[in-house]
Amino acid sequence: MTASRVLITTDYLRPGDEVDEFLRRSGLETVHLPMVGRRDPEQLVAALAGIDAALVANEPLTADVLARAPRLRVIVRTGVGYDSVDVAAAARLGISVSNLPGINANAVAEYTIGLLLAGARRLVQSAHGVAQEAWPREDGRELRGSTLGLIGYGASARAVVPLARAFGMSVVCTTNVPARLRSAPSVRFVDLPELLATADYVSVHTSLTERTRGLLGESAFKQMKPTALLVNTARGPIVDEDALVAAVRAGEIAGAALDVVSEEPLPPSSPLRGVEGIVVYSHMAGQTAEARAAAGRRGAEELVAALEGRAQFPVN
């Protein structure tokens, strides 16, 4: 019997590593094609030829691409978000799609606090100034006594709460999570307009859906404090980038720290470039050695389970 073939595109997984050895011990044949930068749909179609299961990063697995991969039965995202996969099309084609909920929550939470500190104390601007042979000494702000607004209450947002509280921050949150699952007495749950009006820092942790696409746009920025900082470690399209640039330049909000953007890598023509107060990072919130190791192991386990018809984290 021919072994099922597994395509691995997640860039930190390599032939001969722990994940590769686990999959091979499970009787699978592995094919490694790490995703670097953007991948053309035709390249994806070619990569999926003869593939039964895929352990993937953020490739755009559209309905057209999936329809041209007749052997594909299982897709596992080595992360939480799965908006890059047309889940409905996969379901129609009988392809199981899984993600790894909460796998990098601690990494994202620590990184979020790092962005808050960097923004509050103007660390990037200071380092850039020194590199340019200046010696900037502008006042920063302390996190203590400020209010953090969390948009979303998934695993990463919940992990942020005790860290923020340890810094002396008050926490408010807007979420669609049912009231019975809102387990933190130190968090005050409010609607979005109240959160935007009261938060000194607004941190995005919700998934990308048609409801949340462009959620933070011109109207939202006008409701925020002029001293507020926006942090996004979730998905780029949740923020209307043109509206953000306009809001920062007009002084409607103080700035933004964006780990994710609508188009990645950030194109040279992006309006986000060169805007004082906006700092763009390279989608690194979940990228720690610990989170990567956990995602690789759990992703491989989920892939094997899904091939056997017992997926633990299916999203379709």
C-alpha atoms as a PDB file:
ATOM      1  CA  MET A   1       0.000   0.000   0.000  1.00  0.00           C
ATOM      2  CA  THR A   2       1.367   3.424  -0.989  1.00  0.00           C
ATOM      3  CA  ALA A   3       2.063   5.753   1.948  1.00  0.00           C
ATOM      4  CA  SER A   4       0.037   8.947   2.204  1.00  0.00           C
ATOM      5  CA  ARG A   5       2.101  11.964   1.145  1.00  0.00           C
ATOM      6  CA  VAL A   6       2.270  15.015   3.422  1.00  0.00           C
ATOM      7  CA  LEU A   7       3.227  18.499   2.211  1.00  0.00           C
ATOM      8  CA  ILE A   8       4.900  20.662   4.883  1.00  0.00           C
ATOM      9  CA  THR A   9       5.141  24.385   4.091  1.00  0.00           C
ATOM     10  CA  THR A  10       5.626  25.892   7.567  1.00  0.00           C
ATOM     11  CA  ASP A  11       9.017  27.542   7.256  1.00  0.00           C
ATOM     12  CA  TYR A  12      10.520  26.456  10.575  1.00  0.00           C
ATOM     13  CA  LEU A  13       9.872  22.746  10.003  1.00  0.00           C
ATOM     14  CA  ARG A  14      12.710  20.890   8.304  1.00  0.00           C
ATOM     15  CA  PRO A  15      13.515  17.410   6.972  1.00  0.00           C
ATOM     16  CA  GLY A  16      14.835  15.182   9.751  1.00  0.00           C
ATOM     17  CA  ASP A  17      13.438  17.239  12.621  1.00  0.00           C
ATOM     18  CA  GLU A  18      11.144  15.950  15.361  1.00  0.00           C
ATOM     19  CA  VAL A  19       7.991  16.560  13.327  1.00  0.00           C
ATOM     20  CA  ASP A  20       9.389  14.920  10.218  1.00  0.00           C
ATOM     21  CA  GLU A  21      10.490  11.857  12.176  1.00  0.00           C
ATOM     22  CA  PHE A  22       7.072  11.577  13.886  1.00  0.00           C
ATOM     23  CA  LEU A  23       5.236  11.692  10.567  1.00  0.00           C
ATOM     24  CA  ARG A  24       7.550   9.142   8.995  1.00  0.00           C
ATOM     25  CA  ARG A  25       7.194   6.815  11.983  1.00  0.00           C
ATOM     26  CA  SER A  26       3.448   7.131  11.421  1.00  0.00           C
ATOM     27  CA  GLY A  27       3.913   5.662   7.960  1.00  0.00           C
ATOM     28  CA  LEU A  28       3.691   8.907   5.993  1.00  0.00           C
ATOM     29  CA  GLU A  29       5.915  10.275   3.241  1.00  0.00           C
ATOM     30  CA  THR A  30       6.908  13.906   3.795  1.00  0.00           C
ATOM     31  CA  VAL A  31       7.571  16.640   1.237  1.00  0.00           C
ATOM     32  CA  HIS A  32       9.046  19.931   2.489  1.00  0.00           C
ATOM     33  CA  LEU A  33       8.444  23.166   0.568  1.00  0.00           C
ATOM     34  CA  PRO A  34       8.877  26.021   3.072  1.00  0.00           C
ATOM     35  CA  MET A  35       6.808  29.106   2.281  1.00  0.00           C
ATOM     36  CA  VAL A  36       8.962  32.200   1.895  1.00  0.00           C
ATOM     37  CA  GLY A  37       7.169  35.413   0.982  1.00  0.00           C
ATOM     38  CA  ARG A  38       4.195  35.262  -1.357  1.00  0.00           C
ATOM     39  CA  ARG A  39       3.311  32.074  -3.216  1.00  0.00           C
ATOM     40  CA  ASP A  40       1.594  32.126  -6.571  1.00  0.00           C
ATOM     41  CA  PRO A  41      -1.595  30.017  -6.813  1.00  0.00           C
ATOM     42  CA  GLU A  42      -0.066  27.941  -9.622  1.00  0.00           C
ATOM     43  CA  GLN A  43       2.894  27.137  -7.383  1.00  0.00           C
ATOM     44  CA  LEU A  44       0.474  25.958  -4.699  1.00  0.00           C
ATOM     45  CA  VAL A  45      -1.392  23.787  -7.178  1.00  0.00           C
ATOM     46  CA  ALA A  46       1.892  22.234  -8.303  1.00  0.00           C
ATOM     47  CA  ALA A  47       3.028  21.696  -4.713  1.00  0.00           C
ATOM     48  CA  LEU A  48      -0.238  19.918  -3.835  1.00  0.00           C
ATOM     49  CA  ALA A  49      -0.057  17.495  -6.764  1.00  0.00           C
ATOM     50  CA  GLY A  50      -0.182  13.956  -5.374  1.00  0.00           C
ATOM     51  CA  ILE A  51      -0.517  15.221  -1.786  1.00  0.00           C
ATOM     52  CA  ASP A  52      -2.934  13.620   0.704  1.00  0.00           C
ATOM     53  CA  ALA A  53      -2.437  15.948   3.680  1.00  0.00           C
ATOM     54  CA  ALA A  54      -0.801  19.334   4.273  1.00  0.00           C
ATOM     55  CA  LEU A  55       0.763  20.991   7.310  1.00  0.00           C
ATOM     56  CA  VAL A  56       0.680  24.636   6.299  1.00  0.00           C
ATOM     57  CA  ALA A  57       1.480  28.215   7.237  1.00  0.00           C
ATOM     58  CA  ASN A  58      -0.507  31.096   5.696  1.00  0.00           C
ATOM     59  CA  GLU A  59      -0.751  30.035   2.059  1.00  0.00           C
ATOM     60  CA  PRO A  60      -3.921  31.261   0.301  1.00  0.00           C
ATOM     61  CA  LEU A  61      -5.684  27.919  -0.140  1.00  0.00           C
ATOM     62  CA  THR A  62      -8.554  29.207  -2.250  1.00  0.00           C
ATOM     63  CA  ALA A  63     -11.493  27.261  -3.639  1.00  0.00           C
ATOM     64  CA  ASP A  64      -9.743  27.101  -7.021  1.00  0.00           C
ATOM     65  CA  VAL A  65      -6.488  25.779  -5.551  1.00  0.00           C
ATOM     66  CA  LEU A  66      -8.306  23.172  -3.451  1.00  0.00           C
ATOM     67  CA  ALA A  67     -10.414  22.019  -6.404  1.00  0.00           C
ATOM     68  CA  ARG A  68      -7.205  21.240  -8.285  1.00  0.00           C
ATOM     69  CA  ALA A  69      -5.796  19.053  -5.491  1.00  0.00           C
ATOM     70  CA  PRO A  70      -7.902  15.893  -5.948  1.00  0.00           C
ATOM     71  CA  ARG A  71      -5.991  13.719  -3.470  1.00  0.00           C
ATOM     72  CA  LEU A  72      -5.976  16.250  -0.640  1.00  0.00           C
ATOM     73  CA  ARG A  73      -7.982  15.064   2.397  1.00  0.00           C
ATOM     74  CA  VAL A  74      -6.512  16.963   5.357  1.00  0.00           C
ATOM     75  CA  ILE A  75      -5.190  20.489   5.999  1.00  0.00           C
ATOM     76  CA  VAL A  76      -3.697  21.452   9.370  1.00  0.00           C
ATOM     77  CA  ARG A  77      -2.672  25.043  10.151  1.00  0.00           C
ATOM     78  CA  THR A  78       0.348  25.283  12.447  1.00  0.00           C
ATOM     79  CA  GLY A  79      -1.288  28.199  14.209  1.00  0.00           C
ATOM     80  CA  VAL A  80      -4.600  29.604  15.355  1.00  0.00           C
ATOM     81  CA  GLY A  81      -5.919  31.622  12.409  1.00  0.00           C
ATOM     82  CA  TYR A  82      -7.259  29.814   9.362  1.00  0.00           C
ATOM     83  CA  ASP A  83      -8.656  32.682   7.292  1.00  0.00           C
ATOM     84  CA  SER A  84      -6.161  31.850   4.521  1.00  0.00           C
ATOM     85  CA  VAL A  85      -8.093  28.617   3.854  1.00  0.00           C
ATOM     86  CA  ASP A  86     -11.471  28.582   2.099  1.00  0.00           C
ATOM     87  CA  VAL A  87     -13.031  26.391   4.762  1.00  0.00           C
ATOM     88  CA  ALA A  88     -16.427  26.163   3.061  1.00  0.00           C
ATOM     89  CA  ALA A  89     -14.865  25.024  -0.217  1.00  0.00           C
ATOM     90  CA  ALA A  90     -12.761  22.485   1.662  1.00  0.00           C
ATOM     91  CA  ALA A  91     -15.878  21.087   3.311  1.00  0.00           C
ATOM     92  CA  ARG A  92     -17.615  20.728  -0.060  1.00  0.00           C
ATOM     93  CA  LEU A  93     -14.607  18.820  -1.361  1.00  0.00           C
ATOM     94  CA  GLY A  94     -14.446  16.550   1.690  1.00  0.00           C
ATOM     95  CA  ILE A  95     -11.225  18.074   2.995  1.00  0.00           C
ATOM     96  CA  SER A  96     -10.843  18.297   6.774  1.00  0.00           C
ATOM     97  CA  VAL A  97      -9.365  21.592   8.014  1.00  0.00           C
ATOM     98  CA  SER A  98      -7.899  21.932  11.522  1.00  0.00           C
ATOM     99  CA  ASN A  99      -6.194  24.676  13.460  1.00  0.00           C
ATOM    100  CA  LEU A 100      -4.346  24.627  16.794  1.00  0.00           C
ATOM    101  CA  PRO A 101      -6.351  26.801  19.216  1.00  0.00           C
ATOM    102  CA  GLY A 102      -4.321  28.410  21.983  1.00  0.00           C
ATOM    103  CA  ILE A 103      -1.042  26.927  20.797  1.00  0.00           C
ATOM    104  CA  ASN A 104       0.872  30.225  20.924  1.00  0.00           C
ATOM    105  CA  ALA A 105      -1.285  32.150  23.408  1.00  0.00           C
ATOM    106  CA  ASN A 106       1.514  32.775  25.896  1.00  0.00           C
ATOM    107  CA  ALA A 107       3.920  33.892  23.176  1.00  0.00           C
ATOM    108  CA  VAL A 108       1.333  36.327  21.773  1.00  0.00           C
ATOM    109  CA  ALA A 109       0.491  37.646  25.236  1.00  0.00           C
ATOM    110  CA  GLU A 110       4.117  38.372  26.135  1.00  0.00           C
ATOM    111  CA  TYR A 111       4.686  39.991  22.741  1.00  0.00           C
ATOM    112  CA  THR A 112       1.594  42.157  23.200  1.00  0.00           C
ATOM    113  CA  ILE A 113       2.965  43.488  26.465  1.00  0.00           C
ATOM    114  CA  GLY A 114       6.278  44.077  24.692  1.00  0.00           C
ATOM    115  CA  LEU A 115       4.535  46.202  22.063  1.00  0.00           C
ATOM    116  CA  LEU A 116       2.688  48.138  24.761  1.00  0.00           C
ATOM    117  CA  LEU A 117       5.971  48.886  26.536  1.00  0.00           C
ATOM    118  CA  ALA A 118       7.757  49.776  23.290  1.00  0.00           C
ATOM    119  CA  GLY A 119       4.965  52.155  22.335  1.00  0.00           C
ATOM    120  CA  ALA A 120       4.557  53.705  25.767  1.00  0.00           C
ATOM    121  CA  ARG A 121       8.293  54.327  26.185  1.00  0.00           C
ATOM    122  CA  ARG A 122       8.992  55.129  22.509  1.00  0.00           C
ATOM    123  CA  LEU A 123      11.727  52.496  22.359  1.00  0.00           C
ATOM    124  CA  VAL A 124      11.793  52.100  18.574  1.00  0.00           C
ATOM    125  CA  GLN A 125      11.978  55.859  18.058  1.00  0.00           C
ATOM    126  CA  SER A 126      14.772  56.149  20.617  1.00  0.00           C
ATOM    127  CA  ALA A 127      16.857  53.378  19.049  1.00  0.00           C
ATOM    128  CA  HIS A 128      16.272  54.802  15.566  1.00  0.00           C
ATOM    129  CA  GLY A 129      17.347  58.246  16.744  1.00  0.00           C
ATOM    130  CA  VAL A 130      20.564  56.928  18.256  1.00  0.00           C
ATOM    131  CA  ALA A 131      21.283  54.999  15.039  1.00  0.00           C
ATOM    132  CA  GLN A 132      20.933  58.325  13.209  1.00  0.00           C
ATOM    133  CA  GLU A 133      23.514  59.870  15.608  1.00  0.00           C
ATOM    134  CA  ALA A 134      20.878  61.757  17.610  1.00  0.00           C
ATOM    135  CA  TRP A 135      20.121  61.360  21.325  1.00  0.00           C
ATOM    136  CA  PRO A 136      16.299  61.523  21.723  1.00  0.00           C
ATOM    137  CA  ARG A 137      15.068  62.064  25.295  1.00  0.00           C
ATOM    138  CA  GLU A 138      11.294  62.495  24.939  1.00  0.00           C
ATOM    139  CA  ASP A 139       9.092  61.507  27.863  1.00  0.00           C
ATOM    140  CA  GLY A 140       7.407  58.124  27.723  1.00  0.00           C
ATOM    141  CA  ARG A 141       4.422  56.921  29.707  1.00  0.00           C
ATOM    142  CA  GLU A 142       3.979  54.247  32.372  1.00  0.00           C
ATOM    143  CA  LEU A 143       1.527  51.411  31.898  1.00  0.00           C
ATOM    144  CA  ARG A 144       0.506  51.554  35.541  1.00  0.00           C
ATOM    145  CA  GLY A 145      -2.832  53.268  36.000  1.00  0.00           C
ATOM    146  CA  SER A 146      -3.792  53.066  32.325  1.00  0.00           C
ATOM    147  CA  THR A 147      -6.636  51.103  30.720  1.00  0.00           C
ATOM    148  CA  LEU A 148      -6.097  48.287  28.254  1.00  0.00           C
ATOM    149  CA  GLY A 149      -8.959  47.462  25.894  1.00  0.00           C
ATOM    150  CA  LEU A 150      -9.007  43.935  24.483  1.00  0.00           C
ATOM    151  CA  ILE A 151     -10.992  43.268  21.327  1.00  0.00           C
ATOM    152  CA  GLY A 152     -11.717  39.553  21.563  1.00  0.00           C
ATOM    153  CA  TYR A 153     -11.467  37.135  24.474  1.00  0.00           C
ATOM    154  CA  GLY A 154      -9.763  34.097  22.986  1.00  0.00           C
ATOM    155  CA  ALA A 155      -6.761  32.303  24.439  1.00  0.00           C
ATOM    156  CA  SER A 156      -4.219  35.045  23.689  1.00  0.00           C
ATOM    157  CA  ALA A 157      -6.429  37.821  25.097  1.00  0.00           C
ATOM    158  CA  ARG A 158      -7.054  35.788  28.248  1.00  0.00           C
ATOM    159  CA  ALA A 159      -3.294  35.273  28.623  1.00  0.00           C
ATOM    160  CA  VAL A 160      -2.704  39.031  28.346  1.00  0.00           C
ATOM    161  CA  VAL A 161      -4.988  39.808  31.308  1.00  0.00           C
ATOM    162  CA  PRO A 162      -2.740  38.674  34.219  1.00  0.00           C
ATOM    163  CA  LEU A 163       0.300  40.280  32.597  1.00  0.00           C
ATOM    164  CA  ALA A 164      -1.497  43.592  32.171  1.00  0.00           C
ATOM    165  CA  ARG A 165      -2.824  43.415  35.716  1.00  0.00           C
ATOM    166  CA  ALA A 166       0.719  42.785  37.001  1.00  0.00           C
ATOM    167  CA  PHE A 167       1.709  46.113  35.431  1.00  0.00           C
ATOM    168  CA  GLY A 168      -1.155  47.838  37.251  1.00  0.00           C
ATOM    169  CA  MET A 169      -3.421  48.238  34.222  1.00  0.00           C
ATOM    170  CA  SER A 170      -7.209  48.089  34.258  1.00  0.00           C
ATOM    171  CA  VAL A 171      -8.647  45.794  31.592  1.00  0.00           C
ATOM    172  CA  VAL A 172     -11.852  46.165  29.587  1.00  0.00           C
ATOM    173  CA  CYS A 173     -12.941  43.789  26.864  1.00  0.00           C
ATOM    174  CA  THR A 174     -15.480  43.543  24.075  1.00  0.00           C
ATOM    175  CA  THR A 175     -16.337  40.042  22.853  1.00  0.00           C
ATOM    176  CA  ASN A 176     -19.037  37.777  21.491  1.00  0.00           C
ATOM    177  CA  VAL A 177     -17.980  35.029  23.895  1.00  0.00           C
ATOM    178  CA  PRO A 178     -21.045  33.976  25.941  1.00  0.00           C
ATOM    179  CA  ALA A 179     -21.286  35.476  29.430  1.00  0.00           C
ATOM    180  CA  ARG A 180     -20.875  32.050  31.071  1.00  0.00           C
ATOM    181  CA  LEU A 181     -17.367  31.811  29.554  1.00  0.00           C
ATOM    182  CA  ARG A 182     -16.192  35.222  30.762  1.00  0.00           C
ATOM    183  CA  SER A 183     -14.283  33.889  33.737  1.00  0.00           C
ATOM    184  CA  ALA A 184     -12.024  36.821  34.717  1.00  0.00           C
ATOM    185  CA  PRO A 185     -13.438  38.959  37.547  1.00  0.00           C
ATOM    186  CA  SER A 186     -10.658  41.497  36.912  1.00  0.00           C
ATOM    187  CA  VAL A 187     -11.986  42.200  33.395  1.00  0.00           C
ATOM    188  CA  ARG A 188     -14.892  44.567  32.753  1.00  0.00           C
ATOM    189  CA  PHE A 189     -16.852  43.559  29.656  1.00  0.00           C
ATOM    190  CA  VAL A 190     -18.213  46.474  27.634  1.00  0.00           C
ATOM    191  CA  ASP A 191     -19.452  47.190  24.127  1.00  0.00           C
ATOM    192  CA  LEU A 192     -17.008  48.384  21.478  1.00  0.00           C
ATOM    193  CA  PRO A 193     -17.855  52.112  21.592  1.00  0.00           C
ATOM    194  CA  GLU A 194     -17.252  52.240  25.348  1.00  0.00           C
ATOM    195  CA  LEU A 195     -13.985  50.346  24.982  1.00  0.00           C
ATOM    196  CA  LEU A 196     -12.739  52.701  22.285  1.00  0.00           C
ATOM    197  CA  ALA A 197     -13.675  55.759  24.326  1.00  0.00           C
ATOM    198  CA  THR A 198     -12.056  54.596  27.577  1.00  0.00           C
ATOM    199  CA  ALA A 199      -8.955  52.583  26.602  1.00  0.00           C
ATOM    200  CA  ASP A 200      -5.481  54.074  26.572  1.00  0.00           C
ATOM    201  CA  TYR A 201      -4.282  51.027  24.628  1.00  0.00           C
ATOM    202  CA  VAL A 202      -6.493  49.003  22.272  1.00  0.00           C
ATOM    203  CA  SER A 203      -5.202  45.492  21.531  1.00  0.00           C
ATOM    204  CA  VAL A 204      -6.787  43.335  18.820  1.00  0.00           C
ATOM    205  CA  HIS A 205      -7.173  39.599  19.489  1.00  0.00           C
ATOM    206  CA  THR A 206     -10.256  38.643  17.503  1.00  0.00           C
ATOM    207  CA  SER A 207     -10.388  36.377  14.464  1.00  0.00           C
ATOM    208  CA  LEU A 208     -10.846  37.708  10.938  1.00  0.00           C
ATOM    209  CA  THR A 209     -14.413  37.248   9.705  1.00  0.00           C
ATOM    210  CA  GLU A 210     -16.696  39.234   7.448  1.00  0.00           C
ATOM    211  CA  ARG A 211     -18.015  40.906  10.609  1.00  0.00           C
ATOM    212  CA  THR A 212     -14.561  41.961  11.836  1.00  0.00           C
ATOM    213  CA  ARG A 213     -13.015  42.882   8.471  1.00  0.00           C
ATOM    214  CA  GLY A 214     -12.419  46.641   8.625  1.00  0.00           C
ATOM    215  CA  LEU A 215     -13.813  46.732  12.176  1.00  0.00           C
ATOM    216  CA  LEU A 216     -11.352  49.463  13.126  1.00  0.00           C
ATOM    217  CA  GLY A 217     -11.850  52.196  10.588  1.00  0.00           C
ATOM    218  CA  GLU A 218     -12.539  55.917  10.407  1.00  0.00           C
ATOM    219  CA  SER A 219     -15.489  55.830  12.810  1.00  0.00           C
ATOM    220  CA  ALA A 220     -13.637  53.735  15.378  1.00  0.00           C
ATOM    221  CA  PHE A 221     -10.559  55.970  15.379  1.00  0.00           C
ATOM    222  CA  LYS A 222     -12.684  59.059  15.942  1.00  0.00           C
ATOM    223  CA  GLN A 223     -14.048  57.416  19.107  1.00  0.00           C
ATOM    224  CA  MET A 224     -10.587  56.718  20.553  1.00  0.00           C
ATOM    225  CA  LYS A 225      -8.533  58.988  22.775  1.00  0.00           C
ATOM    226  CA  PRO A 226      -5.994  61.180  20.973  1.00  0.00           C
ATOM    227  CA  THR A 227      -3.349  59.658  23.255  1.00  0.00           C
ATOM    228  CA  ALA A 228      -4.384  56.062  22.532  1.00  0.00           C
ATOM    229  CA  LEU A 229      -2.144  53.430  20.957  1.00  0.00           C
ATOM    230  CA  LEU A 230      -3.512  50.637  18.760  1.00  0.00           C
ATOM    231  CA  VAL A 231      -1.845  47.212  18.881  1.00  0.00           C
ATOM    232  CA  ASN A 232      -2.735  44.490  16.392  1.00  0.00           C
ATOM    233  CA  THR A 233      -1.368  40.947  16.708  1.00  0.00           C
ATOM    234  CA  ALA A 234      -4.435  39.275  15.182  1.00  0.00           C
ATOM    235  CA  ARG A 235      -5.033  39.811  11.446  1.00  0.00           C
ATOM    236  CA  GLY A 236      -4.194  42.814   9.287  1.00  0.00           C
ATOM    237  CA  PRO A 237      -7.533  43.330   7.502  1.00  0.00           C
ATOM    238  CA  ILE A 238      -9.314  43.919  10.826  1.00  0.00           C
ATOM    239  CA  VAL A 239      -7.776  47.411  10.605  1.00  0.00           C
ATOM    240  CA  ASP A 240      -8.555  49.797   7.748  1.00  0.00           C
ATOM    241  CA  GLU A 241      -4.988  50.855   7.043  1.00  0.00           C
ATOM    242  CA  ASP A 242      -5.814  53.975   5.024  1.00  0.00           C
ATOM    243  CA  ALA A 243      -8.108  55.172   7.807  1.00  0.00           C
ATOM    244  CA  LEU A 244      -5.410  54.400  10.389  1.00  0.00           C
ATOM    245  CA  VAL A 245      -2.819  56.456   8.538  1.00  0.00           C
ATOM    246  CA  ALA A 246      -5.263  59.361   8.271  1.00  0.00           C
ATOM    247  CA  ALA A 247      -6.151  59.129  11.971  1.00  0.00           C
ATOM    248  CA  VAL A 248      -2.519  59.133  13.120  1.00  0.00           C
ATOM    249  CA  ARG A 249      -1.571  61.996  10.839  1.00  0.00           C
ATOM    250  CA  ALA A 250      -4.594  63.995  12.041  1.00  0.00           C
ATOM    251  CA  GLY A 251      -3.735  63.336  15.690  1.00  0.00           C
ATOM    252  CA  GLU A 252      -6.987  61.427  16.311  1.00  0.00           C
ATOM    253  CA  ILE A 253      -4.908  58.650  17.912  1.00  0.00           C
ATOM    254  CA  ALA A 254      -1.272  58.677  18.974  1.00  0.00           C
ATOM    255  CA  GLY A 255      -0.069  55.726  16.936  1.00  0.00           C
ATOM    256  CA  ALA A 256      -0.101  52.023  16.241  1.00  0.00           C
ATOM    257  CA  ALA A 257       2.093  48.956  16.679  1.00  0.00           C
ATOM    258  CA  LEU A 258       1.151  46.452  13.985  1.00  0.00           C
ATOM    259  CA  ASP A 259       2.506  42.918  13.964  1.00  0.00           C
ATOM    260  CA  VAL A 260       0.150  42.025  11.107  1.00  0.00           C
ATOM    261  CA  VAL A 261      -0.856  43.940   7.974  1.00  0.00           C
ATOM    262  CA  SER A 262      -3.252  43.376   5.111  1.00  0.00           C
ATOM    263  CA  GLU A 263      -0.512  42.345   2.699  1.00  0.00           C
ATOM    264  CA  GLU A 264       2.524  40.471   3.993  1.00  0.00           C
ATOM    265  CA  PRO A 265       5.390  41.065   3.561  1.00  0.00           C
ATOM    266  CA  LEU A 266       4.659  44.789   3.691  1.00  0.00           C
ATOM    267  CA  PRO A 267       4.895  46.099   0.093  1.00  0.00           C
ATOM    268  CA  PRO A 268       7.132  49.091  -0.688  1.00  0.00           C
ATOM    269  CA  SER A 269       4.047  51.099  -1.697  1.00  0.00           C
ATOM    270  CA  SER A 270       2.162  50.539   1.578  1.00  0.00           C
ATOM    271  CA  PRO A 271       0.661  53.736   3.038  1.00  0.00           C
ATOM    272  CA  LEU A 272       1.883  52.532   6.448  1.00  0.00           C
ATOM    273  CA  ARG A 273       5.498  53.245   5.531  1.00  0.00           C
ATOM    274  CA  GLY A 274       7.083  56.430   6.775  1.00  0.00           C
ATOM    275  CA  VAL A 275       4.251  57.473   9.084  1.00  0.00           C
ATOM    276  CA  GLU A 276       5.502  58.887  12.379  1.00  0.00           C
ATOM    277  CA  GLY A 277       3.790  56.968  15.161  1.00  0.00           C
ATOM    278  CA  ILE A 278       3.119  53.762  13.201  1.00  0.00           C
ATOM    279  CA  VAL A 279       5.556  50.878  13.691  1.00  0.00           C
ATOM    280  CA  VAL A 280       5.156  47.703  11.639  1.00  0.00           C
ATOM    281  CA  TYR A 281       6.674  44.419  12.758  1.00  0.00           C
ATOM    282  CA  SER A 282       7.061  41.208  10.758  1.00  0.00           C
ATOM    283  CA  HIS A 283       4.263  38.946  12.085  1.00  0.00           C
ATOM    284  CA  MET A 284       6.353  37.577  14.948  1.00  0.00           C
ATOM    285  CA  ALA A 285       3.906  37.480  17.871  1.00  0.00           C
ATOM    286  CA  GLY A 286       3.645  33.697  17.970  1.00  0.00           C
ATOM    287  CA  GLN A 287       7.186  33.004  16.821  1.00  0.00           C
ATOM    288  CA  THR A 288       9.061  31.738  19.856  1.00  0.00           C
ATOM    289  CA  ALA A 289      11.131  28.565  19.983  1.00  0.00           C
ATOM    290  CA  GLU A 290       8.721  27.166  22.547  1.00  0.00           C
ATOM    291  CA  ALA A 291       5.572  27.995  20.578  1.00  0.00           C
ATOM    292  CA  ARG A 292       7.047  26.717  17.320  1.00  0.00           C
ATOM    293  CA  ALA A 293       8.070  23.412  18.903  1.00  0.00           C
ATOM    294  CA  ALA A 294       4.614  22.972  20.416  1.00  0.00           C
ATOM    295  CA  ALA A 295       2.866  23.903  17.153  1.00  0.00           C
ATOM    296  CA  GLY A 296       4.974  21.492  15.142  1.00  0.00           C
ATOM    297  CA  ARG A 297       4.334  18.581  17.505  1.00  0.00           C
ATOM    298  CA  ARG A 298       0.619  19.225  17.932  1.00  0.00           C
ATOM    299  CA  GLY A 299       0.157  19.959  14.250  1.00  0.00           C
ATOM    300  CA  ALA A 300       1.741  16.641  13.294  1.00  0.00           C
ATOM    301  CA  GLU A 301      -0.405  14.804  15.843  1.00  0.00           C
ATOM    302  CA  GLU A 302      -3.544  16.512  14.538  1.00  0.00           C
ATOM    303  CA  LEU A 303      -2.647  15.649  10.946  1.00  0.00           C
ATOM    304  CA  VAL A 304      -2.219  11.950  11.746  1.00  0.00           C
ATOM    305  CA  ALA A 305      -5.449  11.949  13.768  1.00  0.00           C
ATOM    306  CA  ALA A 306      -7.359  13.691  10.967  1.00  0.00           C
ATOM    307  CA  LEU A 307      -6.132  11.180   8.387  1.00  0.00           C
ATOM    308  CA  GLU A 308      -7.534   8.487  10.658  1.00  0.00           C
ATOM    309  CA  GLY A 309     -10.886  10.293  10.897  1.00  0.00           C
ATOM    310  CA  ARG A 310     -10.467  11.486  14.476  1.00  0.00           C
ATOM    311  CA  ALA A 311      -9.462  15.158  14.153  1.00  0.00           C
ATOM    312  CA  GLN A 312      -9.391  16.957  17.517  1.00  0.00           C
ATOM    313  CA  PHE A 313      -9.571  20.570  16.289  1.00  0.00           C
ATOM    314  CA  PRO A 314     -11.638  20.612  13.082  1.00  0.00           C
ATOM    315  CA  VAL A 315     -13.009  23.977  11.916  1.00  0.00           C
ATOM    316  CA  ASN A 316     -15.266  22.604   9.169  1.00  0.00           C
END
